[in-house]
């Protein structure tokens, strides 16, 4: 199955990631369907759009917007699926709902987005664990590379432009390319902030 201007994906495991295995037991973390933090963002491409040229291929793993798999209740309290729902194993995803893809075991960010690692806050007078609005580029893109911003560079980004994702067990911020405001040229020894619960 192919879409006209949409990718077709299926969840890697399930639509929701609301359980955690502890020893022999499974702990349910959340039972609410509308909480976005427990909706899966991981999918596999099973169909490509016919109207869009893309380097993404069938079988690639992708990180998508949480609303693709999310369920919700309408004003009458009836449970509904997202507009991308076709069946439990098939969803349509618009290009702007897809952020990064994994091809040949390598993550590649799309040009509208990059992924930034948060860094520990070294300000002894601050209660914040991580340095606000600063991070290290983990996954760059073609637009940023053309501007000289590469993997490992320390950058600043605009307020409220970051959204948290877990990729390969690492907590990262998805930041829009246009929200990257500065590249810090002065090299400092930075400690990554990645809490143990990830």
N, C-alpha and C. Protein backbone atom coordinates (compact mmCIF):
# COMPACT_ATOMS: atom_id res chain seq x y z
N UNK A 1 0.84 -1.19 0.00
CA UNK A 1 0.00 0.00 0.00
C UNK A 1 0.88 1.24 0.00
N UNK A 2 0.57 2.20 -0.85
CA UNK A 2 1.28 3.47 -0.90
C UNK A 2 0.28 4.61 -0.77
N UNK A 3 0.72 5.71 -0.19
CA UNK A 3 -0.11 6.90 -0.11
C UNK A 3 0.23 7.85 -1.25
N UNK A 4 -0.65 8.83 -1.50
CA UNK A 4 -0.37 9.80 -2.54
C UNK A 4 0.67 10.81 -2.05
N UNK A 5 0.41 11.43 -0.90
CA UNK A 5 1.37 12.37 -0.34
C UNK A 5 1.68 12.04 1.13
N UNK A 6 1.48 10.79 1.51
CA UNK A 6 1.70 10.35 2.88
C UNK A 6 2.56 9.09 2.90
N UNK A 7 3.35 8.96 3.96
CA UNK A 7 4.06 7.71 4.22
C UNK A 7 3.09 6.76 4.91
N UNK A 8 3.27 5.48 4.70
CA UNK A 8 2.47 4.47 5.38
C UNK A 8 3.40 3.76 6.36
N UNK A 9 3.00 3.72 7.65
CA UNK A 9 3.86 3.15 8.68
C UNK A 9 3.06 2.20 9.55
N UNK A 10 3.80 1.40 10.32
CA UNK A 10 3.18 0.57 11.36
C UNK A 10 4.02 0.73 12.62
N UNK A 11 3.40 0.58 13.80
CA UNK A 11 4.18 0.69 15.04
C UNK A 11 5.22 -0.42 15.12
N UNK A 12 6.37 -0.12 15.71
CA UNK A 12 7.40 -1.15 15.88
C UNK A 12 6.92 -2.21 16.86
N UNK A 13 6.34 -1.80 17.96
CA UNK A 13 5.79 -2.76 18.93
C UNK A 13 4.29 -2.54 19.02
N UNK A 14 3.90 -1.51 19.77
CA UNK A 14 2.49 -1.20 19.95
C UNK A 14 2.30 0.31 19.86
N UNK A 15 1.05 0.76 19.85
CA UNK A 15 0.74 2.18 19.76
C UNK A 15 1.16 2.93 21.02
N UNK A 16 1.09 2.27 22.14
CA UNK A 16 1.40 2.91 23.42
C UNK A 16 2.57 2.18 24.09
N UNK A 17 3.42 2.95 24.73
CA UNK A 17 4.53 2.39 25.52
C UNK A 17 4.28 2.76 26.98
N UNK A 18 3.32 2.08 27.59
CA UNK A 18 2.93 2.44 28.95
C UNK A 18 3.17 1.32 29.96
N UNK A 19 4.07 0.41 29.63
CA UNK A 19 4.45 -0.64 30.58
C UNK A 19 5.96 -0.71 30.68
N UNK A 20 6.43 -1.21 31.82
CA UNK A 20 7.86 -1.39 32.03
C UNK A 20 8.08 -2.71 32.74
N UNK A 21 9.02 -3.50 32.24
CA UNK A 21 9.33 -4.80 32.83
C UNK A 21 10.29 -4.60 33.99
N UNK A 22 9.91 -5.08 35.15
CA UNK A 22 10.75 -5.02 36.35
C UNK A 22 10.82 -6.44 36.91
N UNK A 23 11.98 -7.07 36.73
CA UNK A 23 12.13 -8.46 37.14
C UNK A 23 11.21 -9.34 36.31
N UNK A 24 10.38 -10.13 36.99
CA UNK A 24 9.42 -10.98 36.30
C UNK A 24 8.06 -10.31 36.12
N UNK A 25 7.91 -9.11 36.69
CA UNK A 25 6.61 -8.42 36.65
C UNK A 25 6.62 -7.30 35.62
N UNK A 26 5.41 -6.97 35.18
CA UNK A 26 5.25 -5.84 34.26
C UNK A 26 4.45 -4.76 34.97
N UNK A 27 5.02 -3.55 35.02
CA UNK A 27 4.40 -2.43 35.71
C UNK A 27 3.69 -1.55 34.68
N UNK A 28 2.42 -1.24 34.93
CA UNK A 28 1.67 -0.34 34.05
C UNK A 28 1.94 1.08 34.51
N UNK A 29 2.51 1.90 33.61
CA UNK A 29 2.89 3.26 33.96
C UNK A 29 1.74 4.24 33.82
N UNK A 30 0.82 3.96 32.91
CA UNK A 30 -0.24 4.90 32.63
C UNK A 30 -1.41 4.16 31.98
N UNK A 31 -2.64 4.52 32.35
CA UNK A 31 -3.81 3.89 31.75
C UNK A 31 -4.63 4.88 30.93
N UNK A 32 -4.19 6.13 30.85
CA UNK A 32 -4.94 7.14 30.11
C UNK A 32 -4.50 7.14 28.65
N UNK A 33 -5.44 7.16 27.73
CA UNK A 33 -5.09 7.09 26.31
C UNK A 33 -4.62 8.43 25.77
N UNK A 34 -4.96 9.53 26.44
CA UNK A 34 -4.68 10.85 25.86
C UNK A 34 -3.33 11.42 26.28
N UNK A 35 -2.61 10.78 27.22
CA UNK A 35 -1.32 11.29 27.66
C UNK A 35 -0.28 11.05 26.58
N UNK A 36 0.27 12.13 26.02
CA UNK A 36 1.17 11.99 24.88
C UNK A 36 2.50 11.34 25.23
N UNK A 37 2.93 11.43 26.48
CA UNK A 37 4.24 10.88 26.85
C UNK A 37 4.30 9.36 26.76
N UNK A 38 3.16 8.70 26.75
CA UNK A 38 3.14 7.25 26.67
C UNK A 38 2.76 6.72 25.29
N UNK A 39 2.59 7.61 24.34
CA UNK A 39 2.30 7.19 22.97
C UNK A 39 3.62 6.88 22.27
N UNK A 40 3.67 5.80 21.55
CA UNK A 40 4.88 5.41 20.84
C UNK A 40 5.18 6.39 19.71
N UNK A 41 6.46 6.68 19.50
CA UNK A 41 6.92 7.51 18.39
C UNK A 41 7.69 6.70 17.36
N UNK A 42 7.87 5.42 17.62
CA UNK A 42 8.69 4.57 16.77
C UNK A 42 7.82 3.78 15.80
N UNK A 43 8.20 3.85 14.52
CA UNK A 43 7.44 3.15 13.48
C UNK A 43 8.38 2.61 12.42
N UNK A 44 7.83 1.75 11.58
CA UNK A 44 8.55 1.21 10.43
C UNK A 44 7.77 1.60 9.17
N UNK A 45 8.49 2.06 8.15
CA UNK A 45 7.84 2.46 6.89
C UNK A 45 7.45 1.20 6.11
N UNK A 46 6.16 1.14 5.73
CA UNK A 46 5.68 0.02 4.92
C UNK A 46 5.17 0.47 3.56
N UNK A 47 5.12 1.80 3.34
CA UNK A 47 4.70 2.33 2.05
C UNK A 47 5.19 3.76 1.88
N UNK A 48 5.52 4.12 0.66
CA UNK A 48 6.07 5.45 0.37
C UNK A 48 5.06 6.31 -0.37
N UNK A 49 5.17 7.64 -0.24
CA UNK A 49 4.27 8.52 -0.99
C UNK A 49 4.62 8.53 -2.47
N UNK A 50 3.61 8.55 -3.31
CA UNK A 50 3.85 8.56 -4.76
C UNK A 50 4.17 9.96 -5.26
N UNK A 51 3.76 10.98 -4.52
CA UNK A 51 3.88 12.36 -4.98
C UNK A 51 5.07 13.10 -4.36
N UNK A 52 5.90 12.43 -3.56
CA UNK A 52 7.03 13.09 -2.88
C UNK A 52 8.29 12.29 -3.15
N UNK A 53 9.35 12.99 -3.53
CA UNK A 53 10.65 12.34 -3.67
C UNK A 53 11.29 12.27 -2.29
N UNK A 54 11.80 11.11 -1.94
CA UNK A 54 12.37 10.92 -0.61
C UNK A 54 13.49 9.88 -0.65
N UNK A 55 14.42 10.02 0.28
CA UNK A 55 15.48 9.03 0.44
C UNK A 55 15.06 7.90 1.37
N UNK A 56 13.96 8.10 2.07
CA UNK A 56 13.45 7.07 2.98
C UNK A 56 12.97 5.89 2.17
N UNK A 57 13.24 4.68 2.66
CA UNK A 57 12.86 3.47 1.95
C UNK A 57 11.96 2.59 2.82
N UNK A 58 11.24 1.71 2.18
CA UNK A 58 10.42 0.74 2.90
C UNK A 58 11.33 -0.08 3.81
N UNK A 59 10.93 -0.25 5.05
CA UNK A 59 11.72 -0.99 6.03
C UNK A 59 12.53 -0.10 6.95
N UNK A 60 12.65 1.20 6.62
CA UNK A 60 13.39 2.12 7.49
C UNK A 60 12.59 2.39 8.77
N UNK A 61 13.31 2.51 9.88
CA UNK A 61 12.69 2.92 11.14
C UNK A 61 12.58 4.43 11.14
N UNK A 62 11.47 4.96 11.63
CA UNK A 62 11.26 6.41 11.68
C UNK A 62 10.76 6.82 13.06
N UNK A 63 11.05 8.07 13.41
CA UNK A 63 10.50 8.69 14.61
C UNK A 63 9.45 9.69 14.14
N UNK A 64 8.23 9.55 14.65
CA UNK A 64 7.10 10.33 14.16
C UNK A 64 6.43 11.10 15.29
N UNK A 65 5.49 11.95 14.91
CA UNK A 65 4.70 12.73 15.87
C UNK A 65 3.83 11.80 16.71
N UNK A 66 3.67 12.14 17.99
CA UNK A 66 2.91 11.26 18.89
C UNK A 66 1.42 11.17 18.54
N UNK A 67 0.89 12.13 17.82
CA UNK A 67 -0.54 12.08 17.50
C UNK A 67 -0.91 11.05 16.44
N UNK A 68 0.06 10.48 15.75
CA UNK A 68 -0.25 9.49 14.72
C UNK A 68 -0.88 8.25 15.34
N UNK A 69 -0.30 7.74 16.43
CA UNK A 69 -0.81 6.53 17.07
C UNK A 69 -1.79 6.83 18.20
N UNK A 70 -1.95 8.05 18.55
CA UNK A 70 -2.73 8.43 19.74
C UNK A 70 -4.23 8.26 19.54
N UNK A 71 -4.91 7.81 20.59
CA UNK A 71 -6.37 7.76 20.62
C UNK A 71 -6.86 8.97 21.42
N UNK A 72 -8.11 9.33 21.23
CA UNK A 72 -8.68 10.47 21.95
C UNK A 72 -10.18 10.28 22.09
N UNK A 73 -10.79 11.08 22.96
CA UNK A 73 -12.23 11.02 23.16
C UNK A 73 -12.86 12.28 22.57
N UNK A 74 -13.96 12.09 21.82
CA UNK A 74 -14.65 13.26 21.27
C UNK A 74 -15.55 13.88 22.34
N UNK A 75 -16.33 14.91 21.98
CA UNK A 75 -17.16 15.63 22.95
C UNK A 75 -18.24 14.76 23.57
N UNK A 76 -18.55 13.63 22.94
CA UNK A 76 -19.54 12.70 23.50
C UNK A 76 -18.89 11.59 24.32
N UNK A 77 -17.56 11.63 24.44
CA UNK A 77 -16.86 10.62 25.21
C UNK A 77 -16.55 9.36 24.44
N UNK A 78 -16.76 9.39 23.12
CA UNK A 78 -16.51 8.22 22.29
C UNK A 78 -15.04 8.19 21.90
N UNK A 79 -14.40 7.04 22.06
CA UNK A 79 -12.99 6.91 21.73
C UNK A 79 -12.80 6.92 20.22
N UNK A 80 -11.85 7.74 19.77
CA UNK A 80 -11.56 7.87 18.34
C UNK A 80 -10.08 7.63 18.08
N UNK A 81 -9.75 7.34 16.84
CA UNK A 81 -8.37 7.21 16.39
C UNK A 81 -7.94 8.48 15.68
N UNK A 82 -6.65 8.63 15.46
CA UNK A 82 -6.13 9.78 14.74
C UNK A 82 -6.58 9.73 13.28
N UNK A 83 -6.45 10.85 12.58
CA UNK A 83 -6.87 10.88 11.18
C UNK A 83 -5.98 10.00 10.29
N UNK A 84 -4.78 9.64 10.78
CA UNK A 84 -3.89 8.78 10.01
C UNK A 84 -4.19 7.30 10.15
N UNK A 85 -5.14 6.94 11.01
CA UNK A 85 -5.46 5.54 11.28
C UNK A 85 -6.13 4.89 10.08
N UNK A 86 -5.60 3.72 9.68
CA UNK A 86 -6.26 2.88 8.66
C UNK A 86 -6.72 1.59 9.32
N UNK A 87 -5.76 0.90 9.99
CA UNK A 87 -6.09 -0.20 10.89
C UNK A 87 -4.96 -0.27 11.93
N UNK A 88 -5.04 -1.21 12.85
CA UNK A 88 -4.08 -1.27 13.96
C UNK A 88 -2.63 -1.42 13.51
N UNK A 89 -2.41 -1.89 12.30
CA UNK A 89 -1.05 -2.08 11.78
C UNK A 89 -0.70 -1.13 10.63
N UNK A 90 -1.59 -0.18 10.33
CA UNK A 90 -1.37 0.69 9.17
C UNK A 90 -1.83 2.11 9.49
N UNK A 91 -0.89 3.06 9.32
CA UNK A 91 -1.17 4.48 9.59
C UNK A 91 -0.56 5.33 8.48
N UNK A 92 -1.24 6.41 8.14
CA UNK A 92 -0.72 7.36 7.17
C UNK A 92 -0.08 8.53 7.91
N UNK A 93 1.13 8.91 7.48
CA UNK A 93 1.89 9.96 8.15
C UNK A 93 2.27 11.03 7.14
N UNK A 94 1.90 12.27 7.43
CA UNK A 94 2.31 13.38 6.58
C UNK A 94 3.80 13.63 6.74
N UNK A 95 4.40 14.25 5.74
CA UNK A 95 5.84 14.50 5.76
C UNK A 95 6.26 15.35 6.95
N UNK A 96 5.41 16.29 7.38
CA UNK A 96 5.77 17.16 8.51
C UNK A 96 5.59 16.47 9.86
N UNK A 97 5.10 15.24 9.88
CA UNK A 97 4.97 14.47 11.12
C UNK A 97 6.11 13.47 11.28
N UNK A 98 7.06 13.50 10.38
CA UNK A 98 8.18 12.56 10.38
C UNK A 98 9.46 13.38 10.58
N UNK A 99 10.31 12.97 11.54
CA UNK A 99 11.44 13.81 11.94
C UNK A 99 12.81 13.23 11.60
N UNK A 100 12.95 11.94 11.71
CA UNK A 100 14.26 11.32 11.51
C UNK A 100 14.03 9.87 11.10
N UNK A 101 14.94 9.33 10.31
CA UNK A 101 14.79 7.94 9.88
C UNK A 101 16.11 7.21 10.01
N UNK A 102 16.02 5.90 10.14
CA UNK A 102 17.20 5.05 10.31
C UNK A 102 17.32 4.14 9.09
N UNK A 103 18.38 4.37 8.32
CA UNK A 103 18.63 3.57 7.12
C UNK A 103 20.04 3.00 7.21
N UNK A 104 20.18 1.70 6.95
CA UNK A 104 21.48 1.02 7.07
C UNK A 104 22.12 1.29 8.44
N UNK A 105 21.30 1.22 9.48
CA UNK A 105 21.74 1.36 10.87
C UNK A 105 22.29 2.75 11.21
N UNK A 106 21.91 3.77 10.43
CA UNK A 106 22.37 5.13 10.68
C UNK A 106 21.17 6.08 10.68
N UNK A 107 21.05 6.88 11.75
CA UNK A 107 19.97 7.85 11.85
C UNK A 107 20.28 9.05 10.97
N UNK A 108 19.28 9.51 10.21
CA UNK A 108 19.43 10.68 9.35
C UNK A 108 18.25 11.60 9.59
N UNK A 109 18.55 12.80 10.05
CA UNK A 109 17.52 13.78 10.35
C UNK A 109 17.05 14.47 9.08
N UNK A 110 15.75 14.75 9.00
CA UNK A 110 15.23 15.48 7.85
C UNK A 110 15.60 16.96 7.98
N UNK A 111 15.56 17.70 6.87
CA UNK A 111 16.11 19.05 6.84
C UNK A 111 15.40 20.05 7.75
N UNK A 112 14.15 19.81 8.09
CA UNK A 112 13.44 20.75 8.97
C UNK A 112 13.77 20.56 10.44
N UNK A 113 14.45 19.47 10.80
CA UNK A 113 14.68 19.16 12.21
C UNK A 113 16.10 18.68 12.45
N UNK A 114 16.55 18.90 13.69
CA UNK A 114 17.80 18.30 14.17
C UNK A 114 17.53 17.78 15.58
N UNK A 115 18.47 17.02 16.10
CA UNK A 115 18.32 16.49 17.45
C UNK A 115 19.52 16.91 18.29
N UNK A 116 19.22 17.40 19.49
CA UNK A 116 20.22 18.02 20.35
C UNK A 116 20.26 17.30 21.69
N UNK A 117 21.49 17.02 22.18
CA UNK A 117 21.66 16.41 23.50
C UNK A 117 21.68 17.52 24.55
N UNK A 118 20.87 17.40 25.60
CA UNK A 118 20.96 18.37 26.68
C UNK A 118 22.28 18.21 27.42
N UNK A 119 22.76 19.30 28.03
CA UNK A 119 24.01 19.24 28.79
C UNK A 119 23.76 19.67 30.23
N UNK A 120 24.58 19.18 31.12
CA UNK A 120 24.43 19.48 32.55
C UNK A 120 24.67 20.95 32.82
N UNK A 121 23.91 21.46 33.76
CA UNK A 121 24.04 22.86 34.15
C UNK A 121 25.18 23.00 35.16
N UNK A 122 26.17 23.83 34.82
CA UNK A 122 27.30 24.04 35.73
C UNK A 122 27.15 25.29 36.57
N UNK A 123 25.98 25.93 36.52
CA UNK A 123 25.70 27.12 37.32
C UNK A 123 25.34 26.69 38.74
N UNK A 124 26.21 26.96 39.69
CA UNK A 124 26.00 26.50 41.06
C UNK A 124 24.82 27.20 41.74
N UNK A 125 24.34 28.29 41.17
CA UNK A 125 23.22 29.03 41.77
C UNK A 125 21.87 28.66 41.15
N UNK A 126 21.89 27.74 40.22
CA UNK A 126 20.66 27.34 39.54
C UNK A 126 20.16 25.99 40.07
N UNK A 127 18.85 25.84 40.13
CA UNK A 127 18.24 24.57 40.53
C UNK A 127 17.98 23.66 39.34
N UNK A 128 18.15 24.19 38.13
CA UNK A 128 17.93 23.41 36.92
C UNK A 128 19.05 22.39 36.73
N UNK A 129 18.68 21.16 36.38
CA UNK A 129 19.67 20.10 36.17
C UNK A 129 20.41 20.24 34.86
N UNK A 130 19.73 20.80 33.85
CA UNK A 130 20.39 20.96 32.56
C UNK A 130 20.42 22.43 32.16
N UNK A 131 21.41 22.76 31.35
CA UNK A 131 21.60 24.13 30.89
C UNK A 131 20.46 24.49 29.95
N UNK A 132 19.72 25.57 30.25
CA UNK A 132 18.57 25.90 29.40
C UNK A 132 18.99 26.42 28.03
N UNK A 133 18.28 25.94 27.01
CA UNK A 133 18.39 26.42 25.64
C UNK A 133 19.78 26.24 25.02
N UNK A 134 20.54 25.28 25.54
CA UNK A 134 21.86 24.97 25.00
C UNK A 134 21.99 23.46 24.93
N UNK A 135 22.64 22.97 23.88
CA UNK A 135 22.86 21.54 23.76
C UNK A 135 23.91 21.24 22.72
N UNK A 136 24.15 19.97 22.52
CA UNK A 136 25.15 19.50 21.56
C UNK A 136 24.43 18.75 20.45
N UNK A 137 24.73 19.10 19.21
CA UNK A 137 24.08 18.47 18.06
C UNK A 137 24.43 16.98 18.03
N UNK A 138 23.40 16.15 18.07
CA UNK A 138 23.57 14.70 17.95
C UNK A 138 23.29 14.25 16.52
N UNK A 139 22.21 14.76 15.92
CA UNK A 139 21.87 14.45 14.54
C UNK A 139 21.61 15.76 13.81
N UNK A 140 22.49 16.09 12.87
CA UNK A 140 22.39 17.32 12.10
C UNK A 140 21.58 17.05 10.84
N UNK A 141 21.54 18.00 9.93
CA UNK A 141 20.87 17.81 8.64
C UNK A 141 21.60 18.62 7.58
N UNK A 142 21.17 18.49 6.34
CA UNK A 142 21.86 19.15 5.23
C UNK A 142 21.86 20.67 5.36
N UNK A 143 20.76 21.25 5.82
CA UNK A 143 20.67 22.70 5.95
C UNK A 143 21.68 23.21 6.97
N UNK A 144 21.76 22.55 8.13
CA UNK A 144 22.71 22.98 9.16
C UNK A 144 24.15 22.74 8.73
N UNK A 145 24.40 21.62 8.06
CA UNK A 145 25.77 21.35 7.60
C UNK A 145 26.25 22.42 6.62
N UNK A 146 25.34 22.90 5.77
CA UNK A 146 25.71 23.97 4.84
C UNK A 146 26.06 25.27 5.57
N UNK A 147 25.54 25.43 6.78
CA UNK A 147 25.84 26.62 7.59
C UNK A 147 27.01 26.37 8.54
N UNK A 148 27.65 25.20 8.42
CA UNK A 148 28.81 24.90 9.25
C UNK A 148 28.47 24.36 10.63
N UNK A 149 27.24 23.89 10.82
CA UNK A 149 26.83 23.31 12.11
C UNK A 149 26.77 21.80 11.95
N UNK A 150 27.62 21.11 12.66
CA UNK A 150 27.79 19.67 12.49
C UNK A 150 27.56 18.92 13.79
N UNK A 151 27.57 17.62 13.70
CA UNK A 151 27.45 16.76 14.89
C UNK A 151 28.57 17.10 15.86
N UNK A 152 28.21 17.25 17.13
CA UNK A 152 29.19 17.57 18.16
C UNK A 152 29.32 19.04 18.47
N UNK A 153 28.73 19.92 17.64
CA UNK A 153 28.79 21.36 17.89
C UNK A 153 27.83 21.75 19.01
N UNK A 154 28.27 22.72 19.81
CA UNK A 154 27.42 23.25 20.88
C UNK A 154 26.61 24.40 20.31
N UNK A 155 25.29 24.32 20.46
CA UNK A 155 24.39 25.31 19.86
C UNK A 155 23.40 25.84 20.90
N UNK A 156 22.83 26.98 20.59
CA UNK A 156 21.71 27.52 21.35
C UNK A 156 20.46 27.44 20.49
N UNK A 157 19.31 27.35 21.15
CA UNK A 157 18.05 27.27 20.40
C UNK A 157 16.99 28.11 21.09
N UNK A 158 15.96 28.46 20.34
CA UNK A 158 14.91 29.36 20.81
C UNK A 158 14.08 28.71 21.91
N UNK A 159 13.53 29.51 22.83
CA UNK A 159 12.66 28.96 23.88
C UNK A 159 11.45 28.25 23.30
N UNK A 160 11.04 27.19 23.95
CA UNK A 160 9.86 26.38 23.59
C UNK A 160 9.94 25.79 22.19
N UNK A 161 11.16 25.57 21.70
CA UNK A 161 11.32 24.96 20.38
C UNK A 161 11.73 23.50 20.48
N UNK A 162 11.99 23.03 21.70
CA UNK A 162 12.48 21.66 21.88
C UNK A 162 11.35 20.73 22.30
N UNK A 163 11.43 19.49 21.83
CA UNK A 163 10.47 18.47 22.21
C UNK A 163 11.23 17.19 22.49
N UNK A 164 10.97 16.56 23.60
CA UNK A 164 11.77 15.43 24.07
C UNK A 164 11.43 14.12 23.36
N UNK A 165 12.48 13.39 22.97
CA UNK A 165 12.34 12.07 22.37
C UNK A 165 13.40 11.15 22.98
N UNK A 166 13.13 9.86 22.98
CA UNK A 166 14.11 8.85 23.36
C UNK A 166 14.48 8.10 22.10
N UNK A 167 15.75 8.20 21.69
CA UNK A 167 16.22 7.51 20.48
C UNK A 167 17.37 6.60 20.88
N UNK A 168 17.20 5.32 20.66
CA UNK A 168 18.21 4.31 21.04
C UNK A 168 18.61 4.46 22.51
N UNK A 169 17.62 4.69 23.37
CA UNK A 169 17.86 4.80 24.81
C UNK A 169 18.48 6.10 25.25
N UNK A 170 18.59 7.07 24.36
CA UNK A 170 19.20 8.36 24.69
C UNK A 170 18.15 9.46 24.61
N UNK A 171 18.09 10.28 25.65
CA UNK A 171 17.13 11.39 25.70
C UNK A 171 17.67 12.56 24.89
N UNK A 172 16.88 12.97 23.87
CA UNK A 172 17.29 14.05 22.98
C UNK A 172 16.13 15.02 22.80
N UNK A 173 16.48 16.25 22.39
CA UNK A 173 15.47 17.23 22.02
C UNK A 173 15.40 17.32 20.50
N UNK A 174 14.18 17.23 19.98
CA UNK A 174 13.97 17.54 18.57
C UNK A 174 13.78 19.06 18.49
N UNK A 175 14.60 19.70 17.67
CA UNK A 175 14.54 21.16 17.53
C UNK A 175 14.40 21.48 16.05
N UNK A 176 13.50 22.39 15.73
CA UNK A 176 13.38 22.80 14.34
C UNK A 176 14.66 23.50 13.90
N UNK A 177 15.05 23.27 12.67
CA UNK A 177 16.28 23.86 12.14
C UNK A 177 16.27 25.37 12.28
N UNK A 178 15.13 25.99 12.00
CA UNK A 178 15.05 27.45 12.06
C UNK A 178 15.14 27.98 13.50
N UNK A 179 15.00 27.10 14.49
CA UNK A 179 15.08 27.53 15.89
C UNK A 179 16.50 27.48 16.45
N UNK A 180 17.46 26.97 15.67
CA UNK A 180 18.86 27.01 16.10
C UNK A 180 19.33 28.45 15.94
N UNK A 181 19.71 29.08 17.03
CA UNK A 181 20.00 30.52 17.02
C UNK A 181 21.48 30.86 17.02
N UNK A 182 22.33 29.95 17.50
CA UNK A 182 23.74 30.27 17.62
C UNK A 182 24.58 28.99 17.66
N UNK A 183 25.78 29.10 17.12
CA UNK A 183 26.77 28.04 17.29
C UNK A 183 27.88 28.63 18.14
N UNK A 184 28.17 27.97 19.26
CA UNK A 184 29.21 28.45 20.16
C UNK A 184 30.56 27.96 19.66
N UNK A 185 31.42 28.89 19.29
CA UNK A 185 32.73 28.53 18.75
C UNK A 185 33.71 28.15 19.84
N UNK A 186 33.57 28.77 21.02
CA UNK A 186 34.50 28.49 22.11
C UNK A 186 34.23 27.11 22.67
N UNK A 187 35.20 26.24 22.58
CA UNK A 187 35.04 24.86 23.05
C UNK A 187 35.13 24.80 24.57
N UNK A 188 34.16 24.16 25.18
CA UNK A 188 34.16 23.94 26.62
C UNK A 188 33.96 22.46 26.88
N UNK A 189 34.43 22.01 28.01
CA UNK A 189 34.19 20.63 28.41
C UNK A 189 32.78 20.56 28.97
N UNK A 190 31.88 19.91 28.26
CA UNK A 190 30.48 19.83 28.67
C UNK A 190 30.14 18.41 29.08
N UNK A 191 29.33 18.29 30.13
CA UNK A 191 28.87 16.98 30.55
C UNK A 191 27.44 16.79 30.05
N UNK A 192 27.19 15.70 29.40
CA UNK A 192 25.87 15.40 28.89
C UNK A 192 24.91 15.14 30.05
N UNK A 193 23.69 15.65 29.95
CA UNK A 193 22.68 15.37 30.97
C UNK A 193 21.72 14.33 30.41
N UNK A 194 21.88 13.10 30.88
CA UNK A 194 21.02 12.00 30.43
C UNK A 194 20.68 11.17 31.66
N UNK A 195 19.57 11.47 32.33
CA UNK A 195 19.26 10.79 33.59
C UNK A 195 19.13 9.29 33.44
N UNK A 196 19.34 8.59 34.54
CA UNK A 196 19.38 7.13 34.54
C UNK A 196 18.09 6.45 34.20
N UNK A 197 16.94 7.18 34.30
CA UNK A 197 15.66 6.53 34.03
C UNK A 197 15.42 6.31 32.54
N UNK A 198 16.22 6.92 31.68
CA UNK A 198 15.99 6.82 30.24
C UNK A 198 16.13 5.40 29.77
